[in-house]
Amino acid sequence: MSKRIILLTGAAGFVGHHFVEHILKNTDDTIIGVDALTYAGSLERLRDIQIDPFNHPRFRYLGYDFRQPAGQNLVRELRDVTHILHLGAESHVDHSISDPLRFVESNVLGTTNILNLARGLPNLELFVYFSTDEVFGPVPLDGDMHGHSELDRHNPKNPYAASKSAGEQMVVSFANTYGLPCIITRQMNIFGERQHPEKFIPKVVRSVMDGSIVPIHATPDKTRAGKRHYIHARNVADAHMFLLNKKPWAGTNPRDVEAYHIVGEQEVDNLTLARMIADNVVALTGAGALNHEMVDFHSSRPGHDLRYALDGSKMRDLGWAPPLMFADSLKKTIGWSLNRREWLTLNEAL
């Protein structure tokens, strides 16, 4: 297998740095990581996994804000890139509600700029667009729905989801118009070490430790919590490398953009998850307690959905299974966070 040269956007972000670690440990590939280092990105993530962003034999960092078009000098610098993994995005639903234009700039215009850059790379074999379950909108909280298939109609319910859906449409349009080889992957709720503290799992860890109240988004009568599938970031990275190695799209029309759903093995409601987190914190520290409040999901967070669901059978049929199980990876992530508490106050510490 020839060595890949991968352009990875969002390389200093939470998910991106897990990709860097996984790829460097498990392949001979070289990575060029770009990141604008907005509030959610930090080179300290890379340094914390023993990657010097400016002095590493197989990783190189470039400071590029892809909301701006790539100049010809950058295109020439990236001329040997064989694969693009476009992870970089604005991803917090609450922020998309307060500032939707920022999400259009990053997730629609920014994606278009990366696609335009890709068109100018003579050795490019594949463009991978990293998307989300939220493009399909919610599914009923009750019932046995198996989840949306890769070909289901989009029905985004908040500006973040709409911006990612629009990014997908730009990918499909570039594949059809220019013959750019592309695939789309959609993932569910991702967690792991060094996650930004605004996200649910680190937020609950911190709240259990300091006694603050955890809001649990629930039905209007505040009796049932929303549900999610959670998956560790290393599982997501592993699934992408599985796809790059297996190339299941080989032999298909490049204008038929294939999509793949990367799904965790267990669905859990957020109140149960908060209790699991609290139990782990108490077991590991001998202190802490969960103080929670059930809140009406729509009045507290307009555009929020109580449940998403993806059908992961396509990846299972290809032979992929997540190497890290949910309960074990959750416990390890909580233990790591308790030992490295500076990451629970990211913006304050870095």
Protein backbone atom coordinates (compact mmCIF):
# COMPACT_ATOMS: atom_id res chain seq x y z
CA MET A 1 0.00 0.00 0.00
CA SER A 2 1.44 3.35 -1.04
CA LYS A 3 1.82 5.99 1.62
CA ARG A 4 -0.85 8.63 1.67
CA ILE A 5 -0.29 12.34 2.14
CA ILE A 6 -3.37 13.53 3.99
CA LEU A 7 -4.59 17.10 4.31
CA LEU A 8 -6.58 17.17 7.55
CA THR A 9 -8.67 20.24 8.34
CA GLY A 10 -9.47 20.96 11.97
CA ALA A 11 -6.30 19.14 13.03
CA ALA A 12 -6.02 21.01 16.34
CA GLY A 13 -9.64 20.40 17.23
CA PHE A 14 -11.03 17.69 19.47
CA VAL A 15 -11.85 15.11 16.80
CA GLY A 16 -9.03 16.18 14.49
CA HIS A 17 -6.23 15.58 16.98
CA HIS A 18 -7.57 12.06 17.65
CA PHE A 19 -7.31 11.46 13.89
CA VAL A 20 -3.71 12.69 13.95
CA GLU A 21 -2.84 10.34 16.81
CA HIS A 22 -4.59 7.34 15.26
CA ILE A 23 -3.14 7.83 11.78
CA LEU A 24 0.43 8.34 12.97
CA LYS A 25 0.26 5.31 15.26
CA ASN A 26 -1.38 2.92 12.82
CA THR A 27 -0.16 3.88 9.34
CA ASP A 28 2.89 5.20 7.53
CA ASP A 29 0.92 8.15 6.20
CA THR A 30 2.00 11.78 6.39
CA ILE A 31 -0.39 14.48 7.60
CA ILE A 32 -0.56 18.16 6.77
CA GLY A 33 -2.85 19.63 9.41
CA VAL A 34 -4.59 22.96 8.96
CA ASP A 35 -6.52 24.82 11.62
CA ALA A 36 -7.56 28.43 12.15
CA LEU A 37 -7.19 27.96 15.93
CA THR A 38 -10.58 29.42 16.81
CA TYR A 39 -11.89 29.06 20.37
CA ALA A 40 -12.31 25.27 20.03
CA GLY A 41 -8.89 24.58 18.49
CA SER A 42 -5.59 24.40 20.35
CA LEU A 43 -2.12 23.23 19.41
CA GLU A 44 -1.83 22.05 23.02
CA ARG A 45 -3.91 19.04 22.02
CA LEU A 46 -1.20 18.02 19.57
CA ARG A 47 1.59 18.70 22.04
CA ASP A 48 -0.28 16.65 24.64
CA ILE A 49 -0.09 13.60 22.36
CA GLN A 50 3.64 14.22 21.83
CA ILE A 51 3.26 15.85 18.42
CA ASP A 52 5.34 18.97 17.88
CA PRO A 53 3.22 20.87 15.33
CA PHE A 54 6.30 22.46 13.79
CA ASN A 55 8.90 19.71 14.07
CA HIS A 56 7.66 16.20 13.34
CA PRO A 57 8.78 13.84 10.56
CA ARG A 58 5.23 12.94 9.51
CA PHE A 59 3.10 15.86 10.65
CA ARG A 60 3.19 19.49 9.60
CA TYR A 61 0.90 22.26 10.80
CA LEU A 62 -0.28 25.06 8.55
CA GLY A 63 -2.23 28.01 9.91
CA TYR A 64 -4.98 28.47 7.34
CA ASP A 65 -8.48 29.83 7.86
CA PHE A 66 -10.48 28.09 5.16
CA ARG A 67 -13.18 30.74 5.30
CA GLN A 68 -10.76 32.49 2.93
CA PRO A 69 -9.98 31.11 -0.55
CA ALA A 70 -6.72 29.21 -0.83
CA GLY A 71 -4.09 31.18 -2.73
CA GLN A 72 -1.96 29.67 -5.46
CA ASN A 73 1.04 29.49 -3.14
CA LEU A 74 -0.92 27.25 -0.76
CA VAL A 75 -2.18 25.09 -3.62
CA ARG A 76 1.41 24.61 -4.82
CA GLU A 77 2.53 23.77 -1.28
CA LEU A 78 -0.14 21.07 -1.10
CA ARG A 79 0.39 19.67 -4.60
CA ASP A 80 1.46 16.23 -3.34
CA VAL A 81 -1.65 15.68 -1.19
CA THR A 82 -3.46 12.44 -2.05
CA HIS A 83 -6.39 12.61 0.39
CA ILE A 84 -8.35 15.37 2.08
CA LEU A 85 -10.20 14.71 5.33
CA HIS A 86 -12.36 17.79 5.82
CA LEU A 87 -13.22 17.70 9.53
CA GLY A 88 -12.90 21.40 10.30
CA ALA A 89 -16.25 23.01 11.11
CA GLU A 90 -18.27 25.02 13.58
CA SER A 91 -20.26 22.40 15.47
CA HIS A 92 -22.03 23.77 18.55
CA VAL A 93 -25.80 23.99 18.02
CA ASP A 94 -26.30 26.75 20.59
CA HIS A 95 -23.71 28.93 18.88
CA SER A 96 -25.40 28.34 15.51
CA ILE A 97 -28.66 29.64 16.96
CA SER A 98 -27.07 32.84 18.27
CA ASP A 99 -24.78 33.39 15.25
CA PRO A 100 -25.97 31.44 12.18
CA LEU A 101 -23.88 33.47 9.74
CA ARG A 102 -20.68 32.21 11.38
CA PHE A 103 -21.77 28.66 10.60
CA VAL A 104 -22.56 29.49 6.99
CA GLU A 105 -19.12 31.06 6.63
CA SER A 106 -17.28 28.06 8.10
CA ASN A 107 -19.40 25.12 7.05
CA VAL A 108 -20.70 26.22 3.65
CA LEU A 109 -18.29 28.84 2.31
CA GLY A 110 -15.35 27.16 4.05
CA THR A 111 -16.23 23.76 2.59
CA THR A 112 -16.54 25.32 -0.85
CA ASN A 113 -13.08 26.86 -0.48
CA ILE A 114 -11.59 23.47 0.46
CA LEU A 115 -13.37 21.84 -2.50
CA ASN A 116 -11.96 24.51 -4.81
CA LEU A 117 -8.51 23.86 -3.36
CA ALA A 118 -9.01 20.14 -3.99
CA ARG A 119 -9.73 20.76 -7.66
CA GLY A 120 -6.23 22.15 -8.10
CA LEU A 121 -4.38 19.18 -6.54
CA PRO A 122 -3.02 16.93 -9.31
CA ASN A 123 -2.48 13.86 -7.11
CA LEU A 124 -5.75 13.92 -5.18
CA GLU A 125 -7.41 10.51 -4.89
CA LEU A 126 -10.25 11.27 -2.48
CA PHE A 127 -12.06 14.07 -0.67
CA VAL A 128 -13.83 12.99 2.54
CA TYR A 129 -16.52 15.27 3.95
CA PHE A 130 -17.17 14.80 7.67
CA SER A 131 -20.87 15.33 8.34
CA THR A 132 -23.44 14.67 11.05
CA ASP A 133 -26.61 12.75 11.90
CA GLU A 134 -28.33 16.09 12.45
CA VAL A 135 -28.78 16.69 8.70
CA PHE A 136 -31.73 14.27 8.82
CA GLY A 137 -33.49 15.94 11.72
CA PRO A 138 -35.10 14.12 14.63
CA VAL A 139 -36.71 10.71 14.91
CA PRO A 140 -39.48 9.78 17.39
CA LEU A 141 -38.33 9.33 20.96
CA ASP A 142 -40.44 6.17 21.20
CA GLY A 143 -40.39 3.15 18.95
CA ASP A 144 -37.89 0.84 17.32
CA MET A 145 -36.79 3.04 14.43
CA HIS A 146 -33.51 1.67 13.14
CA GLY A 147 -32.30 5.03 11.97
CA HIS A 148 -31.89 6.99 8.79
CA SER A 149 -30.22 5.29 5.87
CA GLU A 150 -27.49 6.98 3.85
CA LEU A 151 -29.98 7.96 1.13
CA ASP A 152 -32.76 9.43 3.26
CA ARG A 153 -33.95 12.99 2.69
CA HIS A 154 -32.37 15.76 4.73
CA ASN A 155 -34.57 17.64 7.19
CA PRO A 156 -32.27 19.89 9.27
CA LYS A 157 -33.90 21.69 12.20
CA ASN A 158 -31.22 24.18 13.30
CA PRO A 159 -28.64 26.39 11.57
CA TYR A 160 -25.75 24.02 12.39
CA ALA A 161 -27.52 21.05 10.80
CA ALA A 162 -28.57 23.16 7.81
CA SER A 163 -24.99 24.37 7.26
CA LYS A 164 -23.66 20.79 7.28
CA SER A 165 -26.42 19.71 4.91
CA ALA A 166 -25.51 22.56 2.58
CA GLY A 167 -21.87 21.47 2.77
CA GLU A 168 -22.91 17.99 1.67
CA GLN A 169 -24.73 19.45 -1.31
CA MET A 170 -21.61 21.36 -2.32
CA VAL A 171 -19.61 18.12 -2.16
CA VAL A 172 -22.12 16.35 -4.41
CA SER A 173 -22.16 19.29 -6.81
CA PHE A 174 -18.36 19.28 -7.14
CA ALA A 175 -18.35 15.54 -7.76
CA ASN A 176 -20.95 15.92 -10.49
CA THR A 177 -19.61 19.10 -12.06
CA TYR A 178 -15.86 18.50 -11.88
CA GLY A 179 -15.56 14.75 -11.36
CA LEU A 180 -13.94 15.31 -7.96
CA PRO A 181 -13.71 11.94 -6.14
CA CYS A 182 -15.67 12.39 -2.91
CA ILE A 183 -17.36 10.47 -0.14
CA ILE A 184 -19.45 11.66 2.81
CA THR A 185 -19.33 10.24 6.32
CA ARG A 186 -21.90 10.98 8.99
CA GLN A 187 -21.26 10.46 12.68
CA MET A 188 -23.21 10.70 15.90
CA ASN A 189 -22.20 12.21 19.24
CA ILE A 190 -18.43 11.93 19.65
CA PHE A 191 -16.60 11.99 22.97
CA GLY A 192 -13.11 11.36 24.29
CA GLU A 193 -10.05 12.90 25.87
CA ARG A 194 -9.40 16.65 25.45
CA GLN A 195 -12.94 17.44 24.38
CA HIS A 196 -14.00 21.05 24.73
CA PRO A 197 -15.70 21.56 28.12
CA GLU A 198 -18.84 23.00 26.49
CA LYS A 199 -19.79 19.46 25.38
CA PHE A 200 -22.09 17.25 27.44
CA ILE A 201 -19.75 14.64 28.93
CA PRO A 202 -16.97 16.98 30.18
CA LYS A 203 -19.64 19.44 31.31
CA VAL A 204 -21.28 16.76 33.46
CA VAL A 205 -17.91 15.64 34.88
CA ARG A 206 -17.20 19.19 35.96
CA SER A 207 -20.71 19.70 37.36
CA VAL A 208 -20.54 16.51 39.43
CA MET A 209 -17.26 17.74 40.89
CA ASP A 210 -18.38 21.29 41.70
CA GLY A 211 -22.01 20.61 42.58
CA SER A 212 -23.57 22.75 39.86
CA ILE A 213 -26.84 21.76 38.21
CA VAL A 214 -26.79 19.77 34.96
CA PRO A 215 -29.67 20.67 32.60
CA ILE A 216 -31.08 17.55 30.93
CA HIS A 217 -33.07 18.29 27.78
CA ALA A 218 -36.37 16.46 28.01
CA THR A 219 -39.92 16.22 26.70
CA PRO A 220 -42.19 19.21 27.39
CA ASP A 221 -43.62 17.45 30.45
CA LYS A 222 -40.03 16.98 31.68
CA THR A 223 -40.44 13.25 32.26
CA ARG A 224 -38.22 11.72 29.56
CA ALA A 225 -34.72 12.73 28.54
CA GLY A 226 -33.41 12.94 25.01
CA LYS A 227 -31.40 10.04 23.58
CA ARG A 228 -28.13 9.82 21.68
CA HIS A 229 -25.67 7.28 20.34
CA TYR A 230 -22.23 8.14 21.71
CA ILE A 231 -19.00 7.00 20.09
CA HIS A 232 -15.37 7.54 21.08
CA ALA A 233 -13.28 9.70 18.75
CA ARG A 234 -10.75 6.91 18.19
CA ASN A 235 -13.54 4.70 16.87
CA VAL A 236 -14.45 7.43 14.40
CA ALA A 237 -10.82 7.74 13.28
CA ASP A 238 -10.57 3.95 12.97
CA ALA A 239 -13.69 3.84 10.78
CA HIS A 240 -12.27 6.43 8.41
CA MET A 241 -8.98 4.60 8.01
CA PHE A 242 -10.94 1.38 7.44
CA LEU A 243 -12.73 3.11 4.57
CA LEU A 244 -9.53 4.56 3.10
CA ASN A 245 -7.93 1.12 3.14
CA LYS A 246 -10.93 -0.88 1.89
CA LYS A 247 -12.10 1.62 -0.76
CA PRO A 248 -15.60 0.16 -1.05
CA TRP A 249 -16.54 2.84 -3.61
CA ALA A 250 -13.92 1.56 -6.09
CA GLY A 251 -15.42 0.83 -9.48
CA THR A 252 -18.47 3.03 -8.98
CA ASN A 253 -19.24 6.18 -10.92
CA PRO A 254 -17.28 8.97 -9.15
CA ARG A 255 -20.28 11.26 -9.62
CA ASP A 256 -22.33 8.94 -7.40
CA VAL A 257 -21.06 10.18 -4.05
CA GLU A 258 -21.17 7.33 -1.54
CA ALA A 259 -22.09 8.04 2.09
CA TYR A 260 -21.25 5.99 5.18
CA HIS A 261 -22.74 6.13 8.68
CA ILE A 262 -20.39 5.66 11.64
CA VAL A 263 -22.54 4.69 14.60
CA GLY A 264 -21.81 3.84 18.22
CA GLU A 265 -22.92 0.46 19.48
CA GLN A 266 -25.21 1.73 22.25
CA GLU A 267 -27.97 4.32 22.50
CA VAL A 268 -28.41 5.95 25.89
CA ASP A 269 -30.68 8.68 27.19
CA ASN A 270 -28.88 11.71 28.61
CA LEU A 271 -30.17 11.30 32.16
CA THR A 272 -28.88 7.72 32.27
CA LEU A 273 -25.58 8.93 30.82
CA ALA A 274 -25.30 11.70 33.42
CA ARG A 275 -25.86 9.14 36.16
CA MET A 276 -23.21 6.86 34.64
CA ILE A 277 -20.76 9.76 34.62
CA ALA A 278 -21.59 10.65 38.23
CA ASP A 279 -21.17 7.03 39.34
CA ASN A 280 -17.74 6.90 37.70
CA VAL A 281 -16.64 10.20 39.23
CA VAL A 282 -17.74 9.10 42.71
CA ALA A 283 -16.08 5.69 42.29
CA LEU A 284 -12.80 7.27 41.20
CA THR A 285 -12.68 10.19 43.63
CA GLY A 286 -14.92 9.25 46.54
CA ALA A 287 -16.74 12.55 46.16
CA GLY A 288 -19.29 14.34 44.00
CA ALA A 289 -22.98 14.02 43.24
CA LEU A 290 -25.31 14.59 40.31
CA ASN A 291 -27.63 17.57 40.63
CA HIS A 292 -29.80 17.74 37.53
CA GLU A 293 -32.84 19.56 36.22
CA MET A 294 -35.09 18.28 33.46
CA VAL A 295 -35.79 21.15 31.04
CA ASP A 296 -38.18 21.44 28.11
CA PHE A 297 -35.86 20.90 25.16
CA HIS A 298 -37.43 23.40 22.78
CA SER A 299 -38.05 26.29 25.17
CA SER A 300 -34.53 25.97 26.60
CA ARG A 301 -32.79 25.34 23.30
CA PRO A 302 -34.71 26.24 20.12
CA GLY A 303 -33.78 24.00 17.21
CA HIS A 304 -32.68 21.20 19.52
CA ASP A 305 -33.89 17.65 18.80
CA LEU A 306 -34.46 14.98 21.42
CA ARG A 307 -33.30 12.03 19.37
CA TYR A 308 -31.29 11.31 16.24
CA ALA A 309 -30.71 7.90 14.73
CA LEU A 310 -28.53 6.55 11.93
CA ASP A 311 -28.57 3.10 10.36
CA GLY A 312 -25.03 1.73 10.66
CA SER A 313 -25.64 -1.52 8.74
CA LYS A 314 -23.69 -0.42 5.67
CA MET A 315 -20.45 -0.14 7.64
CA ARG A 316 -21.18 -3.37 9.54
CA ASP A 317 -21.75 -5.21 6.26
CA LEU A 318 -18.38 -3.94 5.03
CA GLY A 319 -16.78 -5.54 8.10
CA TRP A 320 -16.16 -2.58 10.39
CA ALA A 321 -16.87 -2.73 14.12
CA PRO A 322 -15.88 -0.12 16.71
CA PRO A 323 -12.74 -1.32 18.52
CA LEU A 324 -13.59 0.56 21.74
CA MET A 325 -16.78 -0.32 23.60
CA PHE A 326 -18.91 2.50 24.97
CA ALA A 327 -18.93 1.78 28.72
CA ASP A 328 -15.21 1.06 28.87
CA SER A 329 -14.19 4.06 26.78
CA LEU A 330 -16.51 6.31 28.82
CA LYS A 331 -14.93 5.14 32.07
CA LYS A 332 -11.42 5.67 30.71
CA THR A 333 -12.30 9.13 29.39
CA ILE A 334 -13.71 10.17 32.77
CA GLY A 335 -10.65 8.81 34.58
CA TRP A 336 -8.36 10.66 32.19
CA SER A 337 -10.34 13.89 32.68
CA LEU A 338 -10.09 13.63 36.46
CA ASN A 339 -6.32 13.22 36.19
CA ARG A 340 -6.03 16.08 33.69
CA ARG A 341 -8.51 18.58 35.05
CA GLU A 342 -7.00 21.50 33.15
CA TRP A 343 -8.84 20.17 30.09
CA LEU A 344 -12.16 20.71 31.88
CA THR A 345 -11.40 24.45 31.82
CA LEU A 346 -9.90 24.65 28.35
CA ASN A 347 -10.43 28.34 27.60
CA GLU A 348 -9.23 29.31 31.06
CA ALA A 349 -6.09 27.16 31.02
CA LEU A 350 -4.84 27.46 27.44
